[in-house]
Amino acid sequence: EYTKSNLLFSVEVEPKNNDLITYVKN
């Protein structure tokens, strides 16, 4: 279960990726 930590890191790498931002919120 690495979902949350992986996605938070992904947003740091791609802070303008709206798909990732929305996914993290969900």
mmCIF file of all heavy atoms, coordinates in Angstrom:
data_MODEL
# 
_entry.id   MODEL 
# 
loop_
_atom_site.group_PDB 
_atom_site.id 
_atom_site.type_symbol 
_atom_site.label_atom_id 
_atom_site.label_alt_id 
_atom_site.label_comp_id 
_atom_site.label_asym_id 
_atom_site.label_entity_id 
_atom_site.label_seq_id 
_atom_site.pdbx_PDB_ins_code 
_atom_site.Cartn_x 
_atom_site.Cartn_y 
_atom_site.Cartn_z 
_atom_site.occupancy 
_atom_site.B_iso_or_equiv 
_atom_site.pdbx_formal_charge 
_atom_site.auth_seq_id 
_atom_site.auth_comp_id 
_atom_site.auth_asym_id 
_atom_site.auth_atom_id 
_atom_site.pdbx_PDB_model_num 
ATOM 1   N N   . GLU A 1 1  ? 0.853   -1.187 0.000   1.00 0.00 ? 1  GLU A N   1 
ATOM 2   C CA  . GLU A 1 1  ? 0.000   0.000  0.000   1.00 0.00 ? 1  GLU A CA  1 
ATOM 3   C C   . GLU A 1 1  ? 0.888   1.237  0.000   1.00 0.00 ? 1  GLU A C   1 
ATOM 4   O O   . GLU A 1 1  ? 1.292   1.730  1.046   1.00 0.00 ? 1  GLU A O   1 
ATOM 5   C CB  . GLU A 1 1  ? -0.920  -0.005 1.230   1.00 0.00 ? 1  GLU A CB  1 
ATOM 6   C CG  . GLU A 1 1  ? -1.767  1.238  1.376   1.00 0.00 ? 1  GLU A CG  1 
ATOM 7   C CD  . GLU A 1 1  ? -2.505  1.585  0.102   1.00 0.00 ? 1  GLU A CD  1 
ATOM 8   O OE1 . GLU A 1 1  ? -3.533  0.967  -0.170  1.00 0.00 ? 1  GLU A OE1 1 
ATOM 9   O OE2 . GLU A 1 1  ? -2.026  2.467  -0.633  1.00 0.00 ? 1  GLU A OE2 1 
ATOM 10  N N   . TYR A 1 2  ? 1.248   1.670  -1.213  1.00 0.00 ? 2  TYR A N   1 
ATOM 11  C CA  . TYR A 1 2  ? 2.079   2.857  -1.371  1.00 0.00 ? 2  TYR A CA  1 
ATOM 12  C C   . TYR A 1 2  ? 1.329   3.970  -2.107  1.00 0.00 ? 2  TYR A C   1 
ATOM 13  O O   . TYR A 1 2  ? 1.944   4.953  -2.523  1.00 0.00 ? 2  TYR A O   1 
ATOM 14  C CB  . TYR A 1 2  ? 3.336   2.523  -2.182  1.00 0.00 ? 2  TYR A CB  1 
ATOM 15  C CG  . TYR A 1 2  ? 4.321   1.596  -1.500  1.00 0.00 ? 2  TYR A CG  1 
ATOM 16  C CD1 . TYR A 1 2  ? 5.220   0.850  -2.264  1.00 0.00 ? 2  TYR A CD1 1 
ATOM 17  C CD2 . TYR A 1 2  ? 4.376   1.474  -0.114  1.00 0.00 ? 2  TYR A CD2 1 
ATOM 18  C CE1 . TYR A 1 2  ? 6.142   -0.001 -1.654  1.00 0.00 ? 2  TYR A CE1 1 
ATOM 19  C CE2 . TYR A 1 2  ? 5.288   0.634  0.495   1.00 0.00 ? 2  TYR A CE2 1 
ATOM 20  C CZ  . TYR A 1 2  ? 6.176   -0.106 -0.276  1.00 0.00 ? 2  TYR A CZ  1 
ATOM 21  O OH  . TYR A 1 2  ? 7.079   -0.935 0.321   1.00 0.00 ? 2  TYR A OH  1 
ATOM 22  N N   . THR A 1 3  ? 0.042   3.807  -2.285  1.00 0.00 ? 3  THR A N   1 
ATOM 23  C CA  . THR A 1 3  ? -0.716  4.707  -3.153  1.00 0.00 ? 3  THR A CA  1 
ATOM 24  C C   . THR A 1 3  ? -0.546  6.174  -2.764  1.00 0.00 ? 3  THR A C   1 
ATOM 25  O O   . THR A 1 3  ? -0.158  7.012  -3.587  1.00 0.00 ? 3  THR A O   1 
ATOM 26  C CB  . THR A 1 3  ? -2.215  4.347  -3.134  1.00 0.00 ? 3  THR A CB  1 
ATOM 27  O OG1 . THR A 1 3  ? -2.371  2.964  -3.447  1.00 0.00 ? 3  THR A OG1 1 
ATOM 28  C CG2 . THR A 1 3  ? -2.991  5.195  -4.127  1.00 0.00 ? 3  THR A CG2 1 
ATOM 29  N N   . LYS A 1 4  ? -0.838  6.492  -1.530  1.00 0.00 ? 4  LYS A N   1 
ATOM 30  C CA  . LYS A 1 4  ? -0.821  7.888  -1.108  1.00 0.00 ? 4  LYS A CA  1 
ATOM 31  C C   . LYS A 1 4  ? 0.577   8.491  -1.201  1.00 0.00 ? 4  LYS A C   1 
ATOM 32  O O   . LYS A 1 4  ? 0.751   9.590  -1.753  1.00 0.00 ? 4  LYS A O   1 
ATOM 33  C CB  . LYS A 1 4  ? -1.350  8.002  0.325   1.00 0.00 ? 4  LYS A CB  1 
ATOM 34  C CG  . LYS A 1 4  ? -1.492  9.432  0.811   1.00 0.00 ? 4  LYS A CG  1 
ATOM 35  C CD  . LYS A 1 4  ? -2.105  9.466  2.208   1.00 0.00 ? 4  LYS A CD  1 
ATOM 36  C CE  . LYS A 1 4  ? -2.210  10.881 2.734   1.00 0.00 ? 4  LYS A CE  1 
ATOM 37  N NZ  . LYS A 1 4  ? -2.798  10.907 4.100   1.00 0.00 ? 4  LYS A NZ  1 
ATOM 38  N N   . SER A 1 5  ? 1.585   7.786  -0.695  1.00 0.00 ? 5  SER A N   1 
ATOM 39  C CA  . SER A 1 5  ? 2.947   8.337  -0.713  1.00 0.00 ? 5  SER A CA  1 
ATOM 40  C C   . SER A 1 5  ? 3.463   8.483  -2.143  1.00 0.00 ? 5  SER A C   1 
ATOM 41  O O   . SER A 1 5  ? 4.139   9.465  -2.477  1.00 0.00 ? 5  SER A O   1 
ATOM 42  C CB  . SER A 1 5  ? 3.890   7.447  0.105   1.00 0.00 ? 5  SER A CB  1 
ATOM 43  O OG  . SER A 1 5  ? 3.910   6.128  -0.394  1.00 0.00 ? 5  SER A OG  1 
ATOM 44  N N   . ASN A 1 6  ? 3.143   7.517  -3.010  1.00 0.00 ? 6  ASN A N   1 
ATOM 45  C CA  . ASN A 1 6  ? 3.568   7.613  -4.401  1.00 0.00 ? 6  ASN A CA  1 
ATOM 46  C C   . ASN A 1 6  ? 2.956   8.819  -5.095  1.00 0.00 ? 6  ASN A C   1 
ATOM 47  O O   . ASN A 1 6  ? 3.626   9.545  -5.832  1.00 0.00 ? 6  ASN A O   1 
ATOM 48  C CB  . ASN A 1 6  ? 3.167   6.350  -5.172  1.00 0.00 ? 6  ASN A CB  1 
ATOM 49  C CG  . ASN A 1 6  ? 4.126   5.197  -4.935  1.00 0.00 ? 6  ASN A CG  1 
ATOM 50  O OD1 . ASN A 1 6  ? 5.247   5.386  -4.467  1.00 0.00 ? 6  ASN A OD1 1 
ATOM 51  N ND2 . ASN A 1 6  ? 3.686   4.001  -5.255  1.00 0.00 ? 6  ASN A ND2 1 
ATOM 52  N N   . LEU A 1 7  ? 1.680   9.046  -4.855  1.00 0.00 ? 7  LEU A N   1 
ATOM 53  C CA  . LEU A 1 7  ? 0.991   10.135 -5.540  1.00 0.00 ? 7  LEU A CA  1 
ATOM 54  C C   . LEU A 1 7  ? 1.425   11.496 -5.006  1.00 0.00 ? 7  LEU A C   1 
ATOM 55  O O   . LEU A 1 7  ? 1.534   12.462 -5.769  1.00 0.00 ? 7  LEU A O   1 
ATOM 56  C CB  . LEU A 1 7  ? -0.517  9.967  -5.421  1.00 0.00 ? 7  LEU A CB  1 
ATOM 57  C CG  . LEU A 1 7  ? -1.077  8.772  -6.207  1.00 0.00 ? 7  LEU A CG  1 
ATOM 58  C CD1 . LEU A 1 7  ? -2.549  8.587  -5.928  1.00 0.00 ? 7  LEU A CD1 1 
ATOM 59  C CD2 . LEU A 1 7  ? -0.834  8.936  -7.701  1.00 0.00 ? 7  LEU A CD2 1 
ATOM 60  N N   . LEU A 1 8  ? 1.688   11.585 -3.715  1.00 0.00 ? 8  LEU A N   1 
ATOM 61  C CA  . LEU A 1 8  ? 2.183   12.847 -3.167  1.00 0.00 ? 8  LEU A CA  1 
ATOM 62  C C   . LEU A 1 8  ? 3.551   13.182 -3.766  1.00 0.00 ? 8  LEU A C   1 
ATOM 63  O O   . LEU A 1 8  ? 3.839   14.342 -4.079  1.00 0.00 ? 8  LEU A O   1 
ATOM 64  C CB  . LEU A 1 8  ? 2.270   12.763 -1.638  1.00 0.00 ? 8  LEU A CB  1 
ATOM 65  C CG  . LEU A 1 8  ? 0.925   12.733 -0.898  1.00 0.00 ? 8  LEU A CG  1 
ATOM 66  C CD1 . LEU A 1 8  ? 1.152   12.512 0.594   1.00 0.00 ? 8  LEU A CD1 1 
ATOM 67  C CD2 . LEU A 1 8  ? 0.147   14.025 -1.134  1.00 0.00 ? 8  LEU A CD2 1 
ATOM 68  N N   . PHE A 1 9  ? 4.388   12.166 -3.921  1.00 0.00 ? 9  PHE A N   1 
ATOM 69  C CA  . PHE A 1 9  ? 5.689   12.384 -4.563  1.00 0.00 ? 9  PHE A CA  1 
ATOM 70  C C   . PHE A 1 9  ? 5.506   12.790 -6.023  1.00 0.00 ? 9  PHE A C   1 
ATOM 71  O O   . PHE A 1 9  ? 6.203   13.672 -6.538  1.00 0.00 ? 9  PHE A O   1 
ATOM 72  C CB  . PHE A 1 9  ? 6.534   11.115 -4.476  1.00 0.00 ? 9  PHE A CB  1 
ATOM 73  C CG  . PHE A 1 9  ? 7.822   11.184 -5.242  1.00 0.00 ? 9  PHE A CG  1 
ATOM 74  C CD1 . PHE A 1 9  ? 8.900   11.920 -4.763  1.00 0.00 ? 9  PHE A CD1 1 
ATOM 75  C CD2 . PHE A 1 9  ? 7.955   10.526 -6.456  1.00 0.00 ? 9  PHE A CD2 1 
ATOM 76  C CE1 . PHE A 1 9  ? 10.086  11.994 -5.469  1.00 0.00 ? 9  PHE A CE1 1 
ATOM 77  C CE2 . PHE A 1 9  ? 9.138   10.597 -7.175  1.00 0.00 ? 9  PHE A CE2 1 
ATOM 78  C CZ  . PHE A 1 9  ? 10.205  11.330 -6.686  1.00 0.00 ? 9  PHE A CZ  1 
ATOM 79  N N   . SER A 1 10 ? 4.554   12.146 -6.704  1.00 0.00 ? 10 SER A N   1 
ATOM 80  C CA  . SER A 1 10 ? 4.313   12.454 -8.108  1.00 0.00 ? 10 SER A CA  1 
ATOM 81  C C   . SER A 1 10 ? 3.898   13.905 -8.302  1.00 0.00 ? 10 SER A C   1 
ATOM 82  O O   . SER A 1 10 ? 4.312   14.558 -9.266  1.00 0.00 ? 10 SER A O   1 
ATOM 83  C CB  . SER A 1 10 ? 3.224   11.526 -8.669  1.00 0.00 ? 10 SER A CB  1 
ATOM 84  O OG  . SER A 1 10 ? 3.622   10.185 -8.621  1.00 0.00 ? 10 SER A OG  1 
ATOM 85  N N   . VAL A 1 11 ? 3.091   14.420 -7.373  1.00 0.00 ? 11 VAL A N   1 
ATOM 86  C CA  . VAL A 1 11 ? 2.661   15.814 -7.468  1.00 0.00 ? 11 VAL A CA  1 
ATOM 87  C C   . VAL A 1 11 ? 3.841   16.756 -7.265  1.00 0.00 ? 11 VAL A C   1 
ATOM 88  O O   . VAL A 1 11 ? 3.910   17.825 -7.894  1.00 0.00 ? 11 VAL A O   1 
ATOM 89  C CB  . VAL A 1 11 ? 1.546   16.103 -6.443  1.00 0.00 ? 11 VAL A CB  1 
ATOM 90  C CG1 . VAL A 1 11 ? 1.247   17.593 -6.372  1.00 0.00 ? 11 VAL A CG1 1 
ATOM 91  C CG2 . VAL A 1 11 ? 0.281   15.344 -6.821  1.00 0.00 ? 11 VAL A CG2 1 
ATOM 92  N N   . GLU A 1 12 ? 4.792   16.370 -6.406  1.00 0.00 ? 12 GLU A N   1 
ATOM 93  C CA  . GLU A 1 12 ? 5.992   17.190 -6.231  1.00 0.00 ? 12 GLU A CA  1 
ATOM 94  C C   . GLU A 1 12 ? 6.809   17.240 -7.528  1.00 0.00 ? 12 GLU A C   1 
ATOM 95  O O   . GLU A 1 12 ? 7.380   18.267 -7.879  1.00 0.00 ? 12 GLU A O   1 
ATOM 96  C CB  . GLU A 1 12 ? 6.851   16.621 -5.101  1.00 0.00 ? 12 GLU A CB  1 
ATOM 97  C CG  . GLU A 1 12 ? 6.254   16.821 -3.707  1.00 0.00 ? 12 GLU A CG  1 
ATOM 98  C CD  . GLU A 1 12 ? 7.187   16.320 -2.628  1.00 0.00 ? 12 GLU A CD  1 
ATOM 99  O OE1 . GLU A 1 12 ? 8.338   15.958 -2.959  1.00 0.00 ? 12 GLU A OE1 1 
ATOM 100 O OE2 . GLU A 1 12 ? 6.785   16.289 -1.453  1.00 0.00 ? 12 GLU A OE2 1 
ATOM 101 N N   . VAL A 1 13 ? 6.853   16.104 -8.219  1.00 0.00 ? 13 VAL A N   1 
ATOM 102 C CA  . VAL A 1 13 ? 7.610   16.041 -9.475  1.00 0.00 ? 13 VAL A CA  1 
ATOM 103 C C   . VAL A 1 13 ? 6.881   16.787 -10.586 1.00 0.00 ? 13 VAL A C   1 
ATOM 104 O O   . VAL A 1 13 ? 7.497   17.468 -11.411 1.00 0.00 ? 13 VAL A O   1 
ATOM 105 C CB  . VAL A 1 13 ? 7.838   14.570 -9.887  1.00 0.00 ? 13 VAL A CB  1 
ATOM 106 C CG1 . VAL A 1 13 ? 8.510   14.495 -11.257 1.00 0.00 ? 13 VAL A CG1 1 
ATOM 107 C CG2 . VAL A 1 13 ? 8.687   13.853 -8.848  1.00 0.00 ? 13 VAL A CG2 1 
ATOM 108 N N   . GLU A 1 14 ? 5.542   16.660 -10.617 1.00 0.00 ? 14 GLU A N   1 
ATOM 109 C CA  . GLU A 1 14 ? 4.734   17.292 -11.655 1.00 0.00 ? 14 GLU A CA  1 
ATOM 110 C C   . GLU A 1 14 ? 3.642   18.151 -11.008 1.00 0.00 ? 14 GLU A C   1 
ATOM 111 O O   . GLU A 1 14 ? 2.462   17.785 -10.998 1.00 0.00 ? 14 GLU A O   1 
ATOM 112 C CB  . GLU A 1 14 ? 4.106   16.249 -12.563 1.00 0.00 ? 14 GLU A CB  1 
ATOM 113 C CG  . GLU A 1 14 ? 5.098   15.384 -13.312 1.00 0.00 ? 14 GLU A CG  1 
ATOM 114 C CD  . GLU A 1 14 ? 4.411   14.467 -14.305 1.00 0.00 ? 14 GLU A CD  1 
ATOM 115 O OE1 . GLU A 1 14 ? 3.545   14.949 -15.066 1.00 0.00 ? 14 GLU A OE1 1 
ATOM 116 O OE2 . GLU A 1 14 ? 4.721   13.270 -14.297 1.00 0.00 ? 14 GLU A OE2 1 
ATOM 117 N N   . PRO A 1 15 ? 4.016   19.296 -10.446 1.00 0.00 ? 15 PRO A N   1 
ATOM 118 C CA  . PRO A 1 15 ? 3.056   20.115 -9.693  1.00 0.00 ? 15 PRO A CA  1 
ATOM 119 C C   . PRO A 1 15 ? 1.932   20.705 -10.547 1.00 0.00 ? 15 PRO A C   1 
ATOM 120 O O   . PRO A 1 15 ? 0.922   21.155 -9.999  1.00 0.00 ? 15 PRO A O   1 
ATOM 121 C CB  . PRO A 1 15 ? 3.940   21.230 -9.103  1.00 0.00 ? 15 PRO A CB  1 
ATOM 122 C CG  . PRO A 1 15 ? 5.126   21.295 -10.009 1.00 0.00 ? 15 PRO A CG  1 
ATOM 123 C CD  . PRO A 1 15 ? 5.368   19.885 -10.450 1.00 0.00 ? 15 PRO A CD  1 
ATOM 124 N N   . LYS A 1 16 ? 2.076   20.681 -11.863 1.00 0.00 ? 16 LYS A N   1 
ATOM 125 C CA  . LYS A 1 16 ? 1.037   21.230 -12.744 1.00 0.00 ? 16 LYS A CA  1 
ATOM 126 C C   . LYS A 1 16 ? 0.204   20.146 -13.416 1.00 0.00 ? 16 LYS A C   1 
ATOM 127 O O   . LYS A 1 16 ? -0.607  20.447 -14.299 1.00 0.00 ? 16 LYS A O   1 
ATOM 128 C CB  . LYS A 1 16 ? 1.696   22.115 -13.814 1.00 0.00 ? 16 LYS A CB  1 
ATOM 129 C CG  . LYS A 1 16 ? 2.384   23.345 -13.249 1.00 0.00 ? 16 LYS A CG  1 
ATOM 130 C CD  . LYS A 1 16 ? 2.971   24.203 -14.354 1.00 0.00 ? 16 LYS A CD  1 
ATOM 131 C CE  . LYS A 1 16 ? 3.658   25.434 -13.772 1.00 0.00 ? 16 LYS A CE  1 
ATOM 132 N NZ  . LYS A 1 16 ? 4.226   26.308 -14.833 1.00 0.00 ? 16 LYS A NZ  1 
ATOM 133 N N   . ASN A 1 17 ? 0.387   18.914 -12.995 1.00 0.00 ? 17 ASN A N   1 
ATOM 134 C CA  . ASN A 1 17 ? -0.380  17.800 -13.558 1.00 0.00 ? 17 ASN A CA  1 
ATOM 135 C C   . ASN A 1 17 ? -1.732  17.735 -12.858 1.00 0.00 ? 17 ASN A C   1 
ATOM 136 O O   . ASN A 1 17 ? -1.857  17.216 -11.749 1.00 0.00 ? 17 ASN A O   1 
ATOM 137 C CB  . ASN A 1 17 ? 0.393   16.488 -13.377 1.00 0.00 ? 17 ASN A CB  1 
ATOM 138 C CG  . ASN A 1 17 ? -0.253  15.324 -14.113 1.00 0.00 ? 17 ASN A CG  1 
ATOM 139 O OD1 . ASN A 1 17 ? -1.475  15.222 -14.182 1.00 0.00 ? 17 ASN A OD1 1 
ATOM 140 N ND2 . ASN A 1 17 ? 0.581   14.455 -14.660 1.00 0.00 ? 17 ASN A ND2 1 
ATOM 141 N N   . ASN A 1 18 ? -2.756  18.278 -13.487 1.00 0.00 ? 18 ASN A N   1 
ATOM 142 C CA  . ASN A 1 18 ? -4.077  18.359 -12.869 1.00 0.00 ? 18 ASN A CA  1 
ATOM 143 C C   . ASN A 1 18 ? -4.690  16.991 -12.611 1.00 0.00 ? 18 ASN A C   1 
ATOM 144 O O   . ASN A 1 18 ? -5.456  16.817 -11.655 1.00 0.00 ? 18 ASN A O   1 
ATOM 145 C CB  . ASN A 1 18 ? -5.012  19.200 -13.746 1.00 0.00 ? 18 ASN A CB  1 
ATOM 146 C CG  . ASN A 1 18 ? -4.627  20.664 -13.757 1.00 0.00 ? 18 ASN A CG  1 
ATOM 147 O OD1 . ASN A 1 18 ? -4.131  21.185 -12.761 1.00 0.00 ? 18 ASN A OD1 1 
ATOM 148 N ND2 . ASN A 1 18 ? -4.834  21.337 -14.883 1.00 0.00 ? 18 ASN A ND2 1 
ATOM 149 N N   . ASP A 1 19 ? -4.379  16.022 -13.470 1.00 0.00 ? 19 ASP A N   1 
ATOM 150 C CA  . ASP A 1 19 ? -4.898  14.670 -13.249 1.00 0.00 ? 19 ASP A CA  1 
ATOM 151 C C   . ASP A 1 19 ? -4.385  14.103 -11.930 1.00 0.00 ? 19 ASP A C   1 
ATOM 152 O O   . ASP A 1 19 ? -5.144  13.511 -11.159 1.00 0.00 ? 19 ASP A O   1 
ATOM 153 C CB  . ASP A 1 19 ? -4.483  13.747 -14.398 1.00 0.00 ? 19 ASP A CB  1 
ATOM 154 C CG  . ASP A 1 19 ? -5.207  14.072 -15.687 1.00 0.00 ? 19 ASP A CG  1 
ATOM 155 O OD1 . ASP A 1 19 ? -6.338  14.598 -15.610 1.00 0.00 ? 19 ASP A OD1 1 
ATOM 156 O OD2 . ASP A 1 19 ? -4.652  13.803 -16.768 1.00 0.00 ? 19 ASP A OD2 1 
ATOM 157 N N   . LEU A 1 20 ? -3.082  14.295 -11.675 1.00 0.00 ? 20 LEU A N   1 
ATOM 158 C CA  . LEU A 1 20 ? -2.506  13.796 -10.428 1.00 0.00 ? 20 LEU A CA  1 
ATOM 159 C C   . LEU A 1 20 ? -3.071  14.533 -9.217  1.00 0.00 ? 20 LEU A C   1 
ATOM 160 O O   . LEU A 1 20 ? -3.376  13.920 -8.190  1.00 0.00 ? 20 LEU A O   1 
ATOM 161 C CB  . LEU A 1 20 ? -0.982  13.948 -10.456 1.00 0.00 ? 20 LEU A CB  1 
ATOM 162 C CG  . LEU A 1 20 ? -0.198  12.947 -11.297 1.00 0.00 ? 20 LEU A CG  1 
ATOM 163 C CD1 . LEU A 1 20 ? 1.275   13.326 -11.335 1.00 0.00 ? 20 LEU A CD1 1 
ATOM 164 C CD2 . LEU A 1 20 ? -0.365  11.538 -10.749 1.00 0.00 ? 20 LEU A CD2 1 
ATOM 165 N N   . ILE A 1 21 ? -3.217  15.834 -9.325  1.00 0.00 ? 21 ILE A N   1 
ATOM 166 C CA  . ILE A 1 21 ? -3.749  16.632 -8.221  1.00 0.00 ? 21 ILE A CA  1 
ATOM 167 C C   . ILE A 1 21 ? -5.165  16.183 -7.869  1.00 0.00 ? 21 ILE A C   1 
ATOM 168 O O   . ILE A 1 21 ? -5.508  16.008 -6.690  1.00 0.00 ? 21 ILE A O   1 
ATOM 169 C CB  . ILE A 1 21 ? -3.732  18.134 -8.581  1.00 0.00 ? 21 ILE A CB  1 
ATOM 170 C CG1 . ILE A 1 21 ? -2.272  18.623 -8.696  1.00 0.00 ? 21 ILE A CG1 1 
ATOM 171 C CG2 . ILE A 1 21 ? -4.485  18.951 -7.538  1.00 0.00 ? 21 ILE A CG2 1 
ATOM 172 C CD1 . ILE A 1 21 ? -2.139  20.011 -9.269  1.00 0.00 ? 21 ILE A CD1 1 
ATOM 173 N N   . THR A 1 22 ? -5.988  15.978 -8.879  1.00 0.00 ? 22 THR A N   1 
ATOM 174 C CA  . THR A 1 22 ? -7.363  15.514 -8.657  1.00 0.00 ? 22 THR A CA  1 
ATOM 175 C C   . THR A 1 22 ? -7.373  14.130 -8.037  1.00 0.00 ? 22 THR A C   1 
ATOM 176 O O   . THR A 1 22 ? -8.162  13.837 -7.126  1.00 0.00 ? 22 THR A O   1 
ATOM 177 C CB  . THR A 1 22 ? -8.140  15.491 -9.986  1.00 0.00 ? 22 THR A CB  1 
ATOM 178 O OG1 . THR A 1 22 ? -8.169  16.813 -10.526 1.00 0.00 ? 22 THR A OG1 1 
ATOM 179 C CG2 . THR A 1 22 ? -9.571  14.993 -9.770  1.00 0.00 ? 22 THR A CG2 1 
ATOM 180 N N   . TYR A 1 23 ? -6.476  13.275 -8.517  1.00 0.00 ? 23 TYR A N   1 
ATOM 181 C CA  . TYR A 1 23 ? -6.393  11.913 -8.018  1.00 0.00 ? 23 TYR A CA  1 
ATOM 182 C C   . TYR A 1 23 ? -6.012  11.890 -6.538  1.00 0.00 ? 23 TYR A C   1 
ATOM 183 O O   . TYR A 1 23 ? -6.581  11.134 -5.740  1.00 0.00 ? 23 TYR A O   1 
ATOM 184 C CB  . TYR A 1 23 ? -5.359  11.154 -8.852  1.00 0.00 ? 23 TYR A CB  1 
ATOM 185 C CG  . TYR A 1 23 ? -5.464  9.658  -8.773  1.00 0.00 ? 23 TYR A CG  1 
ATOM 186 C CD1 . TYR A 1 23 ? -6.675  9.025  -8.535  1.00 0.00 ? 23 TYR A CD1 1 
ATOM 187 C CD2 . TYR A 1 23 ? -4.333  8.868  -8.944  1.00 0.00 ? 23 TYR A CD2 1 
ATOM 188 C CE1 . TYR A 1 23 ? -6.763  7.659  -8.470  1.00 0.00 ? 23 TYR A CE1 1 
ATOM 189 C CE2 . TYR A 1 23 ? -4.410  7.495  -8.881  1.00 0.00 ? 23 TYR A CE2 1 
ATOM 190 C CZ  . TYR A 1 23 ? -5.630  6.897  -8.644  1.00 0.00 ? 23 TYR A CZ  1 
ATOM 191 O OH  . TYR A 1 23 ? -5.709  5.533  -8.572  1.00 0.00 ? 23 TYR A OH  1 
ATOM 192 N N   . VAL A 1 24 ? -5.059  12.723 -6.149  1.00 0.00 ? 24 VAL A N   1 
ATOM 193 C CA  . VAL A 1 24 ? -4.643  12.802 -4.746  1.00 0.00 ? 24 VAL A CA  1 
ATOM 194 C C   . VAL A 1 24 ? -5.812  13.254 -3.871  1.00 0.00 ? 24 VAL A C   1 
ATOM 195 O O   . VAL A 1 24 ? -6.035  12.723 -2.776  1.00 0.00 ? 24 VAL A O   1 
ATOM 196 C CB  . VAL A 1 24 ? -3.439  13.749 -4.578  1.00 0.00 ? 24 VAL A CB  1 
ATOM 197 C CG1 . VAL A 1 24 ? -3.184  14.037 -3.104  1.00 0.00 ? 24 VAL A CG1 1 
ATOM 198 C CG2 . VAL A 1 24 ? -2.191  13.143 -5.206  1.00 0.00 ? 24 VAL A CG2 1 
ATOM 199 N N   . LYS A 1 25 ? -6.576  14.226 -4.344  1.00 0.00 ? 25 LYS A N   1 
ATOM 200 C CA  . LYS A 1 25 ? -7.730  14.708 -3.581  1.00 0.00 ? 25 LYS A CA  1 
ATOM 201 C C   . LYS A 1 25 ? -8.746  13.588 -3.380  1.00 0.00 ? 25 LYS A C   1 
ATOM 202 O O   . LYS A 1 25 ? -9.322  13.447 -2.298  1.00 0.00 ? 25 LYS A O   1 
ATOM 203 C CB  . LYS A 1 25 ? -8.376  15.884 -4.308  1.00 0.00 ? 25 LYS A CB  1 
ATOM 204 C CG  . LYS A 1 25 ? -7.561  17.164 -4.273  1.00 0.00 ? 25 LYS A CG  1 
ATOM 205 C CD  . LYS A 1 25 ? -8.265  18.285 -5.024  1.00 0.00 ? 25 LYS A CD  1 
ATOM 206 C CE  . LYS A 1 25 ? -7.445  19.575 -4.984  1.00 0.00 ? 25 LYS A CE  1 
ATOM 207 N NZ  . LYS A 1 25 ? -8.102  20.663 -5.753  1.00 0.00 ? 25 LYS A NZ  1 
ATOM 208 N N   . ASN A 1 26 ? -8.973  12.795 -4.420  1.00 0.00 ? 26 ASN A N   1 
ATOM 209 C CA  . ASN A 1 26 ? -9.919  11.685 -4.308  1.00 0.00 ? 26 ASN A CA  1 
ATOM 210 C C   . ASN A 1 26 ? -9.434  10.635 -3.320  1.00 0.00 ? 26 ASN A C   1 
ATOM 211 O O   . ASN A 1 26 ? -10.216 10.082 -2.541  1.00 0.00 ? 26 ASN A O   1 
ATOM 212 C CB  . ASN A 1 26 ? -10.138 11.044 -5.682  1.00 0.00 ? 26 ASN A CB  1 
ATOM 213 C CG  . ASN A 1 26 ? -10.917 11.940 -6.624  1.00 0.00 ? 26 ASN A CG  1 
ATOM 214 O OD1 . ASN A 1 26 ? -11.668 12.807 -6.182  1.00 0.00 ? 26 ASN A OD1 1 
ATOM 215 N ND2 . ASN A 1 26 ? -10.748 11.743 -7.920  1.00 0.00 ? 26 ASN A ND2 1 
# 
